[in-house]
Amino acid sequence: MPILQIIDNYDRNAKLGTLFETRVGKGKLLVCAMDLDTDLQDRPAAQQLRTSLIEYVNSKEFEPDHELNIDLLEKLLKN
């Protein structure tokens, strides 16, 4: 289940997972589909979100509940 979803447009109303966490094998993964790298000096909200996500991933609280197998993860990331 996504942590953050957006709705693509009013007519189609598709919920798109923008941010999700998962376990994959023995590892943990946080996937973010937003640009949190470009021109951060001009985008304080993006800079703060990036900082917060990095702190979260490095904390003890980062323990994803759900697990994806590697084949499904590859399929999701290719689309």
N, C-alpha and C. Protein backbone atom coordinates (compact mmCIF):
# COMPACT_ATOMS: atom_id res chain seq x y z
N MET A 1 0.84 -1.18 0.00
CA MET A 1 0.00 0.00 0.00
C MET A 1 0.89 1.25 0.00
N PRO A 2 0.62 2.18 -0.90
CA PRO A 2 1.44 3.39 -0.97
C PRO A 2 1.31 4.25 0.28
N ILE A 3 2.38 4.93 0.60
CA ILE A 3 2.37 5.91 1.68
C ILE A 3 1.73 7.20 1.17
N LEU A 4 2.00 7.51 -0.09
CA LEU A 4 1.49 8.72 -0.71
C LEU A 4 0.94 8.37 -2.09
N GLN A 5 -0.29 8.82 -2.36
CA GLN A 5 -0.90 8.59 -3.67
C GLN A 5 -1.32 9.93 -4.25
N ILE A 6 -1.26 10.00 -5.58
CA ILE A 6 -1.84 11.14 -6.28
C ILE A 6 -2.91 10.60 -7.21
N ILE A 7 -3.83 11.45 -7.60
CA ILE A 7 -4.85 11.08 -8.58
C ILE A 7 -4.46 11.75 -9.88
N ASP A 8 -4.35 10.95 -10.94
CA ASP A 8 -3.78 11.46 -12.19
C ASP A 8 -4.60 12.55 -12.85
N ASN A 9 -5.90 12.39 -12.94
CA ASN A 9 -6.76 13.45 -13.46
C ASN A 9 -8.20 13.21 -13.05
N TYR A 10 -9.00 14.22 -13.19
CA TYR A 10 -10.37 14.19 -12.71
C TYR A 10 -11.21 13.11 -13.41
N ASP A 11 -11.02 12.93 -14.71
CA ASP A 11 -11.84 11.98 -15.47
C ASP A 11 -11.49 10.53 -15.18
N ARG A 12 -10.21 10.22 -15.17
CA ARG A 12 -9.81 8.82 -14.98
C ARG A 12 -9.78 8.43 -13.51
N ASN A 13 -9.37 9.35 -12.65
CA ASN A 13 -9.38 9.15 -11.20
C ASN A 13 -8.55 7.95 -10.75
N ALA A 14 -7.43 7.70 -11.42
CA ALA A 14 -6.55 6.59 -11.06
C ALA A 14 -5.64 7.01 -9.91
N LYS A 15 -5.55 6.17 -8.90
CA LYS A 15 -4.66 6.43 -7.78
C LYS A 15 -3.27 5.89 -8.13
N LEU A 16 -2.28 6.76 -8.11
CA LEU A 16 -0.92 6.40 -8.47
C LEU A 16 -0.04 6.45 -7.23
N GLY A 17 0.65 5.35 -6.97
CA GLY A 17 1.55 5.30 -5.82
C GLY A 17 2.79 6.13 -6.08
N THR A 18 2.98 7.18 -5.33
CA THR A 18 4.12 8.08 -5.51
C THR A 18 5.25 7.75 -4.55
N LEU A 19 4.90 7.17 -3.41
CA LEU A 19 5.88 6.85 -2.39
C LEU A 19 5.43 5.58 -1.69
N PHE A 20 6.33 4.57 -1.68
CA PHE A 20 5.99 3.34 -0.96
C PHE A 20 7.25 2.70 -0.40
N GLU A 21 7.03 1.87 0.62
CA GLU A 21 8.14 1.13 1.23
C GLU A 21 7.80 -0.35 1.17
N THR A 22 8.83 -1.17 1.10
CA THR A 22 8.63 -2.61 1.01
C THR A 22 9.88 -3.34 1.48
N ARG A 23 9.69 -4.59 1.78
CA ARG A 23 10.82 -5.49 1.98
C ARG A 23 10.99 -6.27 0.69
N VAL A 24 12.23 -6.52 0.33
CA VAL A 24 12.56 -7.32 -0.85
C VAL A 24 13.67 -8.26 -0.42
N GLY A 25 13.35 -9.54 -0.35
CA GLY A 25 14.34 -10.49 0.15
C GLY A 25 14.75 -10.11 1.56
N LYS A 26 16.06 -9.95 1.79
CA LYS A 26 16.57 -9.57 3.11
C LYS A 26 16.70 -8.06 3.27
N GLY A 27 16.35 -7.31 2.22
CA GLY A 27 16.53 -5.86 2.26
C GLY A 27 15.23 -5.09 2.44
N LYS A 28 15.39 -3.78 2.64
CA LYS A 28 14.27 -2.86 2.77
C LYS A 28 14.45 -1.77 1.72
N LEU A 29 13.32 -1.27 1.21
CA LEU A 29 13.38 -0.33 0.10
C LEU A 29 12.32 0.74 0.28
N LEU A 30 12.69 1.99 0.03
CA LEU A 30 11.76 3.10 -0.03
C LEU A 30 11.82 3.63 -1.46
N VAL A 31 10.68 3.65 -2.14
CA VAL A 31 10.62 4.10 -3.53
C VAL A 31 9.84 5.41 -3.58
N CYS A 32 10.45 6.42 -4.18
CA CYS A 32 9.83 7.73 -4.32
C CYS A 32 9.87 8.13 -5.80
N ALA A 33 8.72 8.40 -6.37
CA ALA A 33 8.64 8.74 -7.79
C ALA A 33 8.68 10.25 -8.03
N MET A 34 8.95 11.02 -7.00
CA MET A 34 9.03 12.47 -7.14
C MET A 34 10.49 12.89 -7.31
N ASP A 35 10.71 13.97 -8.01
CA ASP A 35 12.05 14.51 -8.18
C ASP A 35 12.47 15.22 -6.89
N LEU A 36 13.35 14.58 -6.15
CA LEU A 36 13.86 15.18 -4.92
C LEU A 36 15.35 15.43 -5.04
N ASP A 37 15.78 15.73 -6.26
CA ASP A 37 17.21 15.92 -6.52
C ASP A 37 17.50 17.23 -7.26
N THR A 38 16.62 17.66 -8.12
CA THR A 38 16.88 18.79 -9.00
C THR A 38 16.57 20.13 -8.31
N ASP A 39 17.50 21.07 -8.40
CA ASP A 39 17.31 22.45 -7.95
C ASP A 39 16.73 22.56 -6.54
N LEU A 40 17.25 21.78 -5.62
CA LEU A 40 16.71 21.80 -4.26
C LEU A 40 16.86 23.15 -3.58
N GLN A 41 17.86 23.92 -3.96
CA GLN A 41 18.05 25.24 -3.35
C GLN A 41 16.87 26.16 -3.66
N ASP A 42 16.15 25.89 -4.74
CA ASP A 42 14.98 26.69 -5.11
C ASP A 42 13.66 26.01 -4.75
N ARG A 43 13.73 24.84 -4.14
CA ARG A 43 12.53 24.07 -3.81
C ARG A 43 12.61 23.58 -2.36
N PRO A 44 12.34 24.47 -1.41
CA PRO A 44 12.51 24.10 0.00
C PRO A 44 11.62 22.95 0.44
N ALA A 45 10.42 22.83 -0.11
CA ALA A 45 9.55 21.71 0.29
C ALA A 45 10.14 20.38 -0.16
N ALA A 46 10.67 20.34 -1.38
CA ALA A 46 11.30 19.11 -1.88
C ALA A 46 12.56 18.80 -1.08
N GLN A 47 13.32 19.82 -0.74
CA GLN A 47 14.53 19.63 0.06
C GLN A 47 14.19 19.05 1.43
N GLN A 48 13.14 19.58 2.06
CA GLN A 48 12.75 19.08 3.37
C GLN A 48 12.20 17.67 3.30
N LEU A 49 11.41 17.36 2.27
CA LEU A 49 10.90 16.00 2.11
C LEU A 49 12.05 15.02 1.93
N ARG A 50 13.01 15.37 1.11
CA ARG A 50 14.18 14.51 0.90
C ARG A 50 14.92 14.27 2.22
N THR A 51 15.16 15.34 2.96
CA THR A 51 15.85 15.22 4.24
C THR A 51 15.07 14.32 5.20
N SER A 52 13.77 14.52 5.27
CA SER A 52 12.93 13.71 6.15
C SER A 52 12.92 12.24 5.75
N LEU A 53 12.86 11.97 4.46
CA LEU A 53 12.87 10.58 3.99
C LEU A 53 14.20 9.90 4.30
N ILE A 54 15.29 10.62 4.12
CA ILE A 54 16.61 10.05 4.43
C ILE A 54 16.71 9.75 5.92
N GLU A 55 16.26 10.68 6.75
CA GLU A 55 16.27 10.44 8.20
C GLU A 55 15.40 9.25 8.56
N TYR A 56 14.24 9.13 7.94
CA TYR A 56 13.34 8.01 8.21
C TYR A 56 13.98 6.68 7.84
N VAL A 57 14.56 6.61 6.66
CA VAL A 57 15.18 5.36 6.19
C VAL A 57 16.34 4.95 7.11
N ASN A 58 17.01 5.90 7.70
CA ASN A 58 18.13 5.61 8.60
C ASN A 58 17.70 5.40 10.04
N SER A 59 16.40 5.43 10.30
CA SER A 59 15.91 5.28 11.68
C SER A 59 15.42 3.85 11.95
N LYS A 60 15.19 3.57 13.21
CA LYS A 60 14.64 2.26 13.61
C LYS A 60 13.19 2.11 13.19
N GLU A 61 12.51 3.21 12.90
CA GLU A 61 11.10 3.16 12.50
C GLU A 61 10.91 2.61 11.09
N PHE A 62 11.96 2.60 10.30
CA PHE A 62 11.85 2.11 8.92
C PHE A 62 11.84 0.58 8.92
N GLU A 63 10.66 0.03 9.08
CA GLU A 63 10.44 -1.42 9.09
C GLU A 63 9.21 -1.72 8.25
N PRO A 64 9.36 -1.81 6.93
CA PRO A 64 8.21 -2.04 6.06
C PRO A 64 7.43 -3.30 6.45
N ASP A 65 6.11 -3.19 6.41
CA ASP A 65 5.23 -4.32 6.75
C ASP A 65 5.07 -5.29 5.59
N HIS A 66 5.05 -4.77 4.38
CA HIS A 66 4.76 -5.58 3.21
C HIS A 66 6.03 -6.01 2.49
N GLU A 67 5.93 -7.13 1.80
CA GLU A 67 7.07 -7.64 1.04
C GLU A 67 6.66 -7.87 -0.40
N LEU A 68 7.51 -7.45 -1.33
CA LEU A 68 7.31 -7.71 -2.75
C LEU A 68 8.37 -8.69 -3.21
N ASN A 69 7.97 -9.58 -4.12
CA ASN A 69 9.01 -10.42 -4.70
C ASN A 69 9.72 -9.61 -5.77
N ILE A 70 10.91 -10.01 -6.09
CA ILE A 70 11.77 -9.24 -6.99
C ILE A 70 11.16 -9.10 -8.38
N ASP A 71 10.45 -10.12 -8.86
CA ASP A 71 9.84 -10.04 -10.19
C ASP A 71 8.77 -8.95 -10.26
N LEU A 72 7.93 -8.87 -9.24
CA LEU A 72 6.89 -7.83 -9.21
C LEU A 72 7.52 -6.45 -9.07
N LEU A 73 8.54 -6.32 -8.25
CA LEU A 73 9.21 -5.03 -8.09
C LEU A 73 9.82 -4.58 -9.43
N GLU A 74 10.47 -5.45 -10.13
CA GLU A 74 11.04 -5.09 -11.43
C GLU A 74 9.96 -4.65 -12.39
N LYS A 75 8.82 -5.32 -12.39
CA LYS A 75 7.70 -4.96 -13.26
C LYS A 75 7.18 -3.56 -12.90
N LEU A 76 7.03 -3.29 -11.61
CA LEU A 76 6.54 -1.98 -11.18
C LEU A 76 7.49 -0.87 -11.57
N LEU A 77 8.77 -1.10 -11.43
CA LEU A 77 9.75 -0.04 -11.69
C LEU A 77 10.01 0.17 -13.18
N LYS A 78 9.70 -0.79 -14.01
CA LYS A 78 9.90 -0.63 -15.45
C LYS A 78 8.80 0.19 -16.08
N ASN A 79 7.63 0.21 -15.49
CA ASN A 79 6.49 0.94 -16.08
C ASN A 79 6.48 2.38 -15.71
